[in-house]
PDB file of all heavy atoms in Angstrom:
ATOM      1  N   THR A   1      92.435 -99.794  -3.948  1.00  0.00           N
ATOM      2  CA  THR A   1      91.394 -99.604  -2.936  1.00  0.00           C
ATOM      3  C   THR A   1      91.653-100.436  -1.682  1.00  0.00           C
ATOM      4  O   THR A   1      90.868-100.366  -0.729  1.00  0.00           O
ATOM      5  CB  THR A   1      90.016 -99.989  -3.513  1.00  0.00           C
ATOM      6  OG1 THR A   1      90.031-101.365  -3.902  1.00  0.00           O
ATOM      7  CG2 THR A   1      89.670 -99.130  -4.718  1.00  0.00           C
ATOM      8  N   LEU A   2      92.736-101.204  -1.673  1.00  0.00           N
ATOM      9  CA  LEU A   2      93.013-102.102  -0.550  1.00  0.00           C
ATOM     10  C   LEU A   2      94.147-101.622   0.340  1.00  0.00           C
ATOM     11  O   LEU A   2      94.285-102.097   1.468  1.00  0.00           O
ATOM     12  CB  LEU A   2      93.343-103.501  -1.079  1.00  0.00           C
ATOM     13  CG  LEU A   2      92.243-104.198  -1.880  1.00  0.00           C
ATOM     14  CD1 LEU A   2      92.784-105.484  -2.519  1.00  0.00           C
ATOM     15  CD2 LEU A   2      91.053-104.522  -0.988  1.00  0.00           C
ATOM     16  N   VAL A   3      94.983-100.704  -0.165  1.00  0.00           N
ATOM     17  CA  VAL A   3      96.143-100.246   0.610  1.00  0.00           C
ATOM     18  C   VAL A   3      95.980 -98.760   0.919  1.00  0.00           C
ATOM     19  O   VAL A   3      95.312 -98.029   0.187  1.00  0.00           O
ATOM     20  CB  VAL A   3      97.458-100.485  -0.167  1.00  0.00           C
ATOM     21  CG1 VAL A   3      97.623-101.956  -0.505  1.00  0.00           C
ATOM     22  CG2 VAL A   3      97.511 -99.640  -1.435  1.00  0.00           C
ATOM     23  N   PRO A   4      96.579 -98.279   2.002  1.00  0.00           N
ATOM     24  CA  PRO A   4      96.514 -96.845   2.317  1.00  0.00           C
ATOM     25  C   PRO A   4      97.199 -96.020   1.223  1.00  0.00           C
ATOM     26  O   PRO A   4      98.207 -96.444   0.650  1.00  0.00           O
ATOM     27  CB  PRO A   4      97.263 -96.742   3.646  1.00  0.00           C
ATOM     28  CG  PRO A   4      97.314 -98.122   4.192  1.00  0.00           C
ATOM     29  CD  PRO A   4      97.305 -99.048   3.020  1.00  0.00           C
ATOM     30  N   ALA A   5      96.655 -94.843   0.965  1.00  0.00           N
ATOM     31  CA  ALA A   5      97.252 -93.969  -0.050  1.00  0.00           C
ATOM     32  C   ALA A   5      98.677 -93.588   0.325  1.00  0.00           C
ATOM     33  O   ALA A   5      99.529 -93.343  -0.542  1.00  0.00           O
ATOM     34  CB  ALA A   5      96.384 -92.726  -0.236  1.00  0.00           C
ATOM     35  N   SER A   6      98.964 -93.535   1.627  1.00  0.00           N
ATOM     36  CA  SER A   6     100.287 -93.147   2.097  1.00  0.00           C
ATOM     37  C   SER A   6     101.323 -94.252   1.975  1.00  0.00           C
ATOM     38  O   SER A   6     102.503 -94.037   2.255  1.00  0.00           O
ATOM     39  CB  SER A   6     100.197 -92.708   3.564  1.00  0.00           C
ATOM     40  OG  SER A   6      99.703 -93.782   4.369  1.00  0.00           O
ATOM     41  N   SER A   7     100.895 -95.453   1.565  1.00  0.00           N
ATOM     42  CA  SER A   7     101.819 -96.590   1.520  1.00  0.00           C
ATOM     43  C   SER A   7     102.840 -96.482   0.397  1.00  0.00           C
ATOM     44  O   SER A   7     103.902 -97.090   0.465  1.00  0.00           O
ATOM     45  CB  SER A   7     101.032 -97.900   1.354  1.00  0.00           C
ATOM     46  OG  SER A   7     100.403 -97.948   0.078  1.00  0.00           O
ATOM     47  N   GLY A   8     102.497 -95.743  -0.662  1.00  0.00           N
ATOM     48  CA  GLY A   8     103.381 -95.669  -1.824  1.00  0.00           C
ATOM     49  C   GLY A   8     103.287 -96.868  -2.738  1.00  0.00           C
ATOM     50  O   GLY A   8     104.105 -97.020  -3.656  1.00  0.00           O
ATOM     51  N   LEU A   9     102.279 -97.736  -2.532  1.00  0.00           N
ATOM     52  CA  LEU A   9     102.128 -98.967  -3.308  1.00  0.00           C
ATOM     53  C   LEU A   9     101.057 -98.821  -4.376  1.00  0.00           C
ATOM     54  O   LEU A   9      99.982 -98.262  -4.117  1.00  0.00           O
ATOM     55  CB  LEU A   9     101.749-100.131  -2.393  1.00  0.00           C
ATOM     56  CG  LEU A   9     102.796-100.579  -1.372  1.00  0.00           C
ATOM     57  CD1 LEU A   9     102.146-101.461  -0.317  1.00  0.00           C
ATOM     58  CD2 LEU A   9     103.932-101.337  -2.067  1.00  0.00           C
ATOM     59  N   VAL A  10     101.342 -99.333  -5.553  1.00  0.00           N
ATOM     60  CA  VAL A  10     100.346 -99.480  -6.615  1.00  0.00           C
ATOM     61  C   VAL A  10     100.603-100.818  -7.299  1.00  0.00           C
ATOM     62  O   VAL A  10     101.667-101.415  -7.142  1.00  0.00           O
ATOM     63  CB  VAL A  10     100.407 -98.334  -7.657  1.00  0.00           C
ATOM     64  CG1 VAL A  10     100.045 -97.012  -7.038  1.00  0.00           C
ATOM     65  CG2 VAL A  10     101.790 -98.276  -8.309  1.00  0.00           C
ATOM     66  N   GLY A  11      99.617-101.282  -8.066  1.00  0.00           N
ATOM     67  CA  GLY A  11      99.823-102.512  -8.826  1.00  0.00           C
ATOM     68  C   GLY A  11      98.631-103.431  -8.753  1.00  0.00           C
ATOM     69  O   GLY A  11      97.508-103.015  -8.429  1.00  0.00           O
ATOM     70  N   GLN A  12      98.862-104.697  -9.072  1.00  0.00           N
ATOM     71  CA  GLN A  12      97.800-105.685  -9.102  1.00  0.00           C
ATOM     72  C   GLN A  12      98.347-107.063  -8.744  1.00  0.00           C
ATOM     73  O   GLN A  12      99.541-107.322  -8.869  1.00  0.00           O
ATOM     74  CB  GLN A  12      97.121-105.729 -10.463  1.00  0.00           C
ATOM     75  CG  GLN A  12      98.038-105.925 -11.647  1.00  0.00           C
ATOM     76  CD  GLN A  12      98.602-104.633 -12.174  1.00  0.00           C
ATOM     77  OE1 GLN A  12      97.895-103.646 -12.261  1.00  0.00           O
ATOM     78  NE2 GLN A  12      99.868-104.650 -12.551  1.00  0.00           N
ATOM     79  N   ILE A  13      97.421-107.929  -8.308  1.00  0.00           N
ATOM     80  CA  ILE A  13      97.780-109.270  -7.859  1.00  0.00           C
ATOM     81  C   ILE A  13      96.748-110.239  -8.413  1.00  0.00           C
ATOM     82  O   ILE A  13      95.560-109.910  -8.498  1.00  0.00           O
ATOM     83  CB  ILE A  13      97.792-109.349  -6.322  1.00  0.00           C
ATOM     84  CG1 ILE A  13      98.802-108.348  -5.744  1.00  0.00           C
ATOM     85  CG2 ILE A  13      98.140-110.754  -5.840  1.00  0.00           C
ATOM     86  CD1 ILE A  13      98.696-108.176  -4.242  1.00  0.00           C
ATOM     87  N   ALA A  14      97.183-111.426  -8.809  1.00  0.00           N
ATOM     88  CA  ALA A  14      96.260-112.437  -9.324  1.00  0.00           C
ATOM     89  C   ALA A  14      96.548-113.787  -8.673  1.00  0.00           C
ATOM     90  O   ALA A  14      97.710-114.158  -8.480  1.00  0.00           O
ATOM     91  CB  ALA A  14      96.364-112.558 -10.844  1.00  0.00           C
ATOM     92  N   LEU A  15      95.473-114.494  -8.358  1.00  0.00           N
ATOM     93  CA  LEU A  15      95.570-115.874  -7.891  1.00  0.00           C
ATOM     94  C   LEU A  15      95.000-116.781  -8.961  1.00  0.00           C
ATOM     95  O   LEU A  15      93.907-116.526  -9.480  1.00  0.00           O
ATOM     96  CB  LEU A  15      94.784-116.065  -6.587  1.00  0.00           C
ATOM     97  CG  LEU A  15      94.735-117.503  -6.043  1.00  0.00           C
ATOM     98  CD1 LEU A  15      96.100-117.917  -5.508  1.00  0.00           C
ATOM     99  CD2 LEU A  15      93.665-117.640  -4.964  1.00  0.00           C
ATOM    100  N   SER A  16      95.715-117.832  -9.323  1.00  0.00           N
ATOM    101  CA  SER A  16      95.218-118.799 -10.295  1.00  0.00           C
ATOM    102  C   SER A  16      95.437-120.207  -9.755  1.00  0.00           C
ATOM    103  O   SER A  16      96.314-120.448  -8.927  1.00  0.00           O
ATOM    104  CB  SER A  16      95.920-118.634 -11.651  1.00  0.00           C
ATOM    105  OG  SER A  16      97.316-118.828 -11.519  1.00  0.00           O
ATOM    106  N   ARG A  17      94.627-121.128 -10.247  1.00  0.00           N
ATOM    107  CA  ARG A  17      94.707-122.511  -9.766  1.00  0.00           C
ATOM    108  C   ARG A  17      94.753-123.468 -10.949  1.00  0.00           C
ATOM    109  O   ARG A  17      93.876-123.469 -11.805  1.00  0.00           O
ATOM    110  CB  ARG A  17      93.500-122.838  -8.888  1.00  0.00           C
ATOM    111  CG  ARG A  17      93.517-124.256  -8.354  1.00  0.00           C
ATOM    112  CD  ARG A  17      92.265-124.550  -7.555  1.00  0.00           C
ATOM    113  NE  ARG A  17      92.252-125.922  -7.055  1.00  0.00           N
ATOM    114  CZ  ARG A  17      91.227-126.477  -6.418  1.00  0.00           C
ATOM    115  NH1 ARG A  17      90.128-125.788  -6.211  1.00  0.00           N
ATOM    116  NH2 ARG A  17      91.299-127.715  -6.008  1.00  0.00           N
ATOM    117  N   GLY A  18      95.806-124.257 -11.016  1.00  0.00           N
ATOM    118  CA  GLY A  18      95.910-125.342 -11.974  1.00  0.00           C
ATOM    119  C   GLY A  18      96.239-126.597 -11.193  1.00  0.00           C
ATOM    120  O   GLY A  18      95.532-126.967 -10.250  1.00  0.00           O
ATOM    121  N   ARG A  19      97.330-127.239 -11.540  1.00  0.00           N
ATOM    122  CA  ARG A  19      97.800-128.337 -10.701  1.00  0.00           C
ATOM    123  C   ARG A  19      98.217-127.794  -9.335  1.00  0.00           C
ATOM    124  O   ARG A  19      98.106-128.463  -8.314  1.00  0.00           O
ATOM    125  CB  ARG A  19      98.984-129.043 -11.369  1.00  0.00           C
ATOM    126  CG  ARG A  19      99.506-130.225 -10.596  1.00  0.00           C
ATOM    127  CD  ARG A  19     100.681-130.869 -11.311  1.00  0.00           C
ATOM    128  NE  ARG A  19     100.318-131.383 -12.618  1.00  0.00           N
ATOM    129  CZ  ARG A  19     101.183-131.912 -13.477  1.00  0.00           C
ATOM    130  NH1 ARG A  19     102.461-131.967 -13.156  1.00  0.00           N
ATOM    131  NH2 ARG A  19     100.775-132.357 -14.644  1.00  0.00           N
ATOM    132  N   TYR A  20      98.712-126.531  -9.335  1.00  0.00           N
ATOM    133  CA  TYR A  20      99.096-125.846  -8.111  1.00  0.00           C
ATOM    134  C   TYR A  20      98.413-124.485  -8.064  1.00  0.00           C
ATOM    135  O   TYR A  20      97.939-123.965  -9.076  1.00  0.00           O
ATOM    136  CB  TYR A  20     100.626-125.631  -8.067  1.00  0.00           C
ATOM    137  CG  TYR A  20     101.436-126.885  -8.286  1.00  0.00           C
ATOM    138  CD1 TYR A  20     102.015-127.145  -9.523  1.00  0.00           C
ATOM    139  CD2 TYR A  20     101.628-127.792  -7.254  1.00  0.00           C
ATOM    140  CE1 TYR A  20     102.762-128.294  -9.736  1.00  0.00           C
ATOM    141  CE2 TYR A  20     102.383-128.949  -7.455  1.00  0.00           C
ATOM    142  CZ  TYR A  20     102.943-129.195  -8.696  1.00  0.00           C
ATOM    143  OH  TYR A  20     103.676-130.325  -8.893  1.00  0.00           O
ATOM    144  N   LEU A  21      98.411-123.883  -6.886  1.00  0.00           N
ATOM    145  CA  LEU A  21      98.022-122.488  -6.750  1.00  0.00           C
ATOM    146  C   LEU A  21      99.213-121.614  -7.114  1.00  0.00           C
ATOM    147  O   LEU A  21     100.365-121.937  -6.773  1.00  0.00           O
ATOM    148  CB  LEU A  21      97.601-122.187  -5.308  1.00  0.00           C
ATOM    149  CG  LEU A  21      96.269-122.769  -4.828  1.00  0.00           C
ATOM    150  CD1 LEU A  21      96.150-122.580  -3.318  1.00  0.00           C
ATOM    151  CD2 LEU A  21      95.103-122.095  -5.537  1.00  0.00           C
ATOM    152  N   HIS A  22      98.948-120.510  -7.816  1.00  0.00           N
ATOM    153  CA  HIS A  22      99.995-119.546  -8.125  1.00  0.00           C
ATOM    154  C   HIS A  22      99.521-118.147  -7.740  1.00  0.00           C
ATOM    155  O   HIS A  22      98.375-117.777  -8.023  1.00  0.00           O
ATOM    156  CB  HIS A  22     100.347-119.552  -9.619  1.00  0.00           C
ATOM    157  CG  HIS A  22     101.278-120.658 -10.010  1.00  0.00           C
ATOM    158  ND1 HIS A  22     100.831-121.862 -10.505  1.00  0.00           N
ATOM    159  CD2 HIS A  22     102.631-120.747  -9.962  1.00  0.00           C
ATOM    160  CE1 HIS A  22     101.870-122.641 -10.772  1.00  0.00           C
ATOM    161  NE2 HIS A  22     102.973-121.993 -10.439  1.00  0.00           N
ATOM    162  N   LEU A  23     100.414-117.371  -7.112  1.00  0.00           N
ATOM    163  CA  LEU A  23     100.140-115.975  -6.803  1.00  0.00           C
ATOM    164  C   LEU A  23     101.070-115.129  -7.650  1.00  0.00           C
ATOM    165  O   LEU A  23     102.293-115.283  -7.586  1.00  0.00           O
ATOM    166  CB  LEU A  23     100.374-115.698  -5.311  1.00  0.00           C
ATOM    167  CG  LEU A  23      99.898-114.341  -4.809  1.00  0.00           C
ATOM    168  CD1 LEU A  23      98.367-114.264  -4.839  1.00  0.00           C
ATOM    169  CD2 LEU A  23     100.410-114.085  -3.395  1.00  0.00           C
ATOM    170  N   THR A  24     100.487-114.250  -8.472  1.00  0.00           N
ATOM    171  CA  THR A  24     101.258-113.382  -9.356  1.00  0.00           C
ATOM    172  C   THR A  24     101.206-111.957  -8.817  1.00  0.00           C
ATOM    173  O   THR A  24     100.131-111.387  -8.662  1.00  0.00           O
ATOM    174  CB  THR A  24     100.701-113.420 -10.786  1.00  0.00           C
ATOM    175  OG1 THR A  24     100.816-114.759 -11.301  1.00  0.00           O
ATOM    176  CG2 THR A  24     101.471-112.479 -11.701  1.00  0.00           C
ATOM    177  N   LEU A  25     102.385-111.407  -8.517  1.00  0.00           N
ATOM    178  CA  LEU A  25     102.505-110.051  -7.983  1.00  0.00           C
ATOM    179  C   LEU A  25     103.081-109.136  -9.058  1.00  0.00           C
ATOM    180  O   LEU A  25     104.082-109.468  -9.702  1.00  0.00           O
ATOM    181  CB  LEU A  25     103.432-110.033  -6.764  1.00  0.00           C
ATOM    182  CG  LEU A  25     103.067-110.969  -5.611  1.00  0.00           C
ATOM    183  CD1 LEU A  25     104.192-110.992  -4.585  1.00  0.00           C
ATOM    184  CD2 LEU A  25     101.774-110.546  -4.965  1.00  0.00           C
ATOM    185  N   ASP A  26     102.454-107.983  -9.225  1.00  0.00           N
ATOM    186  CA  ASP A  26     102.918-106.982 -10.193  1.00  0.00           C
ATOM    187  C   ASP A  26     102.807-105.634  -9.489  1.00  0.00           C
ATOM    188  O   ASP A  26     101.830-104.898  -9.652  1.00  0.00           O
ATOM    189  CB  ASP A  26     102.041-107.039 -11.443  1.00  0.00           C
ATOM    190  CG  ASP A  26     102.663-106.342 -12.629  1.00  0.00           C
ATOM    191  OD1 ASP A  26     103.721-105.717 -12.449  1.00  0.00           O
ATOM    192  OD2 ASP A  26     102.086-106.403 -13.722  1.00  0.00           O
ATOM    193  N   LEU A  27     103.818-105.307  -8.659  1.00  0.00           N
ATOM    194  CA  LEU A  27     103.718-104.191  -7.723  1.00  0.00           C
ATOM    195  C   LEU A  27     104.817-103.158  -7.956  1.00  0.00           C
ATOM    196  O   LEU A  27     105.943-103.499  -8.334  1.00  0.00           O
ATOM    197  CB  LEU A  27     103.824-104.696  -6.284  1.00  0.00           C
ATOM    198  CG  LEU A  27     102.804-105.763  -5.845  1.00  0.00           C
ATOM    199  CD1 LEU A  27     103.126-106.235  -4.426  1.00  0.00           C
ATOM    200  CD2 LEU A  27     101.390-105.236  -5.937  1.00  0.00           C
ATOM    201  N   LEU A  28     104.479-101.894  -7.677  1.00  0.00           N
ATOM    202  CA  LEU A  28     105.437-100.800  -7.669  1.00  0.00           C
ATOM    203  C   LEU A  28     105.378-100.116  -6.307  1.00  0.00           C
ATOM    204  O   LEU A  28     104.292 -99.909  -5.756  1.00  0.00           O
ATOM    205  CB  LEU A  28     105.113 -99.778  -8.758  1.00  0.00           C
ATOM    206  CG  LEU A  28     105.582-100.073 -10.177  1.00  0.00           C
ATOM    207  CD1 LEU A  28     105.089 -98.986 -11.116  1.00  0.00           C
ATOM    208  CD2 LEU A  28     107.093-100.176 -10.248  1.00  0.00           C
ATOM    209  N   PHE A  29     106.548 -99.752  -5.799  1.00  0.00           N
ATOM    210  CA  PHE A  29     106.638 -99.080  -4.500  1.00  0.00           C
ATOM    211  C   PHE A  29     107.448 -97.802  -4.658  1.00  0.00           C
ATOM    212  O   PHE A  29     108.585 -97.828  -5.120  1.00  0.00           O
ATOM    213  CB  PHE A  29     107.297-100.006  -3.474  1.00  0.00           C
ATOM    214  CG  PHE A  29     107.588 -99.371  -2.149  1.00  0.00           C
ATOM    215  CD1 PHE A  29     106.628 -98.601  -1.503  1.00  0.00           C
ATOM    216  CD2 PHE A  29     108.821 -99.561  -1.539  1.00  0.00           C
ATOM    217  CE1 PHE A  29     106.900 -98.016  -0.273  1.00  0.00           C
ATOM    218  CE2 PHE A  29     109.097 -98.988  -0.311  1.00  0.00           C
ATOM    219  CZ  PHE A  29     108.141 -98.218   0.320  1.00  0.00           C
ATOM    220  N   GLN A  30     106.853 -96.678  -4.272  1.00  0.00           N
ATOM    221  CA  GLN A  30     107.537 -95.390  -4.267  1.00  0.00           C
ATOM    222  C   GLN A  30     107.609 -94.910  -2.821  1.00  0.00           C
ATOM    223  O   GLN A  30     106.624 -94.401  -2.274  1.00  0.00           O
ATOM    224  CB  GLN A  30     106.790 -94.363  -5.121  1.00  0.00           C
ATOM    225  CG  GLN A  30     107.509 -93.036  -5.243  1.00  0.00           C
ATOM    226  CD  GLN A  30     106.858 -92.124  -6.266  1.00  0.00           C
ATOM    227  OE1 GLN A  30     105.964 -92.533  -6.993  1.00  0.00           O
ATOM    228  NE2 GLN A  30     107.317 -90.895  -6.328  1.00  0.00           N
ATOM    229  N   PRO A  31     108.767 -95.068  -2.160  1.00  0.00           N
ATOM    230  CA  PRO A  31     108.863 -94.697  -0.747  1.00  0.00           C
ATOM    231  C   PRO A  31     108.610 -93.210  -0.550  1.00  0.00           C
ATOM    232  O   PRO A  31     109.085 -92.389  -1.339  1.00  0.00           O
ATOM    233  CB  PRO A  31     110.305 -95.071  -0.383  1.00  0.00           C
ATOM    234  CG  PRO A  31     110.743 -96.036  -1.433  1.00  0.00           C
ATOM    235  CD  PRO A  31     110.023 -95.635  -2.676  1.00  0.00           C
TER     236      PRO A  31
END
C-alpha cells in the first residue's frame, strides 16, 4: 500500500531496536 503498483516491488520491511537500530528488508523486484 506504500509503493505504486507500476513499481514492480513487493515485500516487507521491519525496524527493530536493541543496542542498535536494525532495518530488515525482504523485497522482490520484477522490472
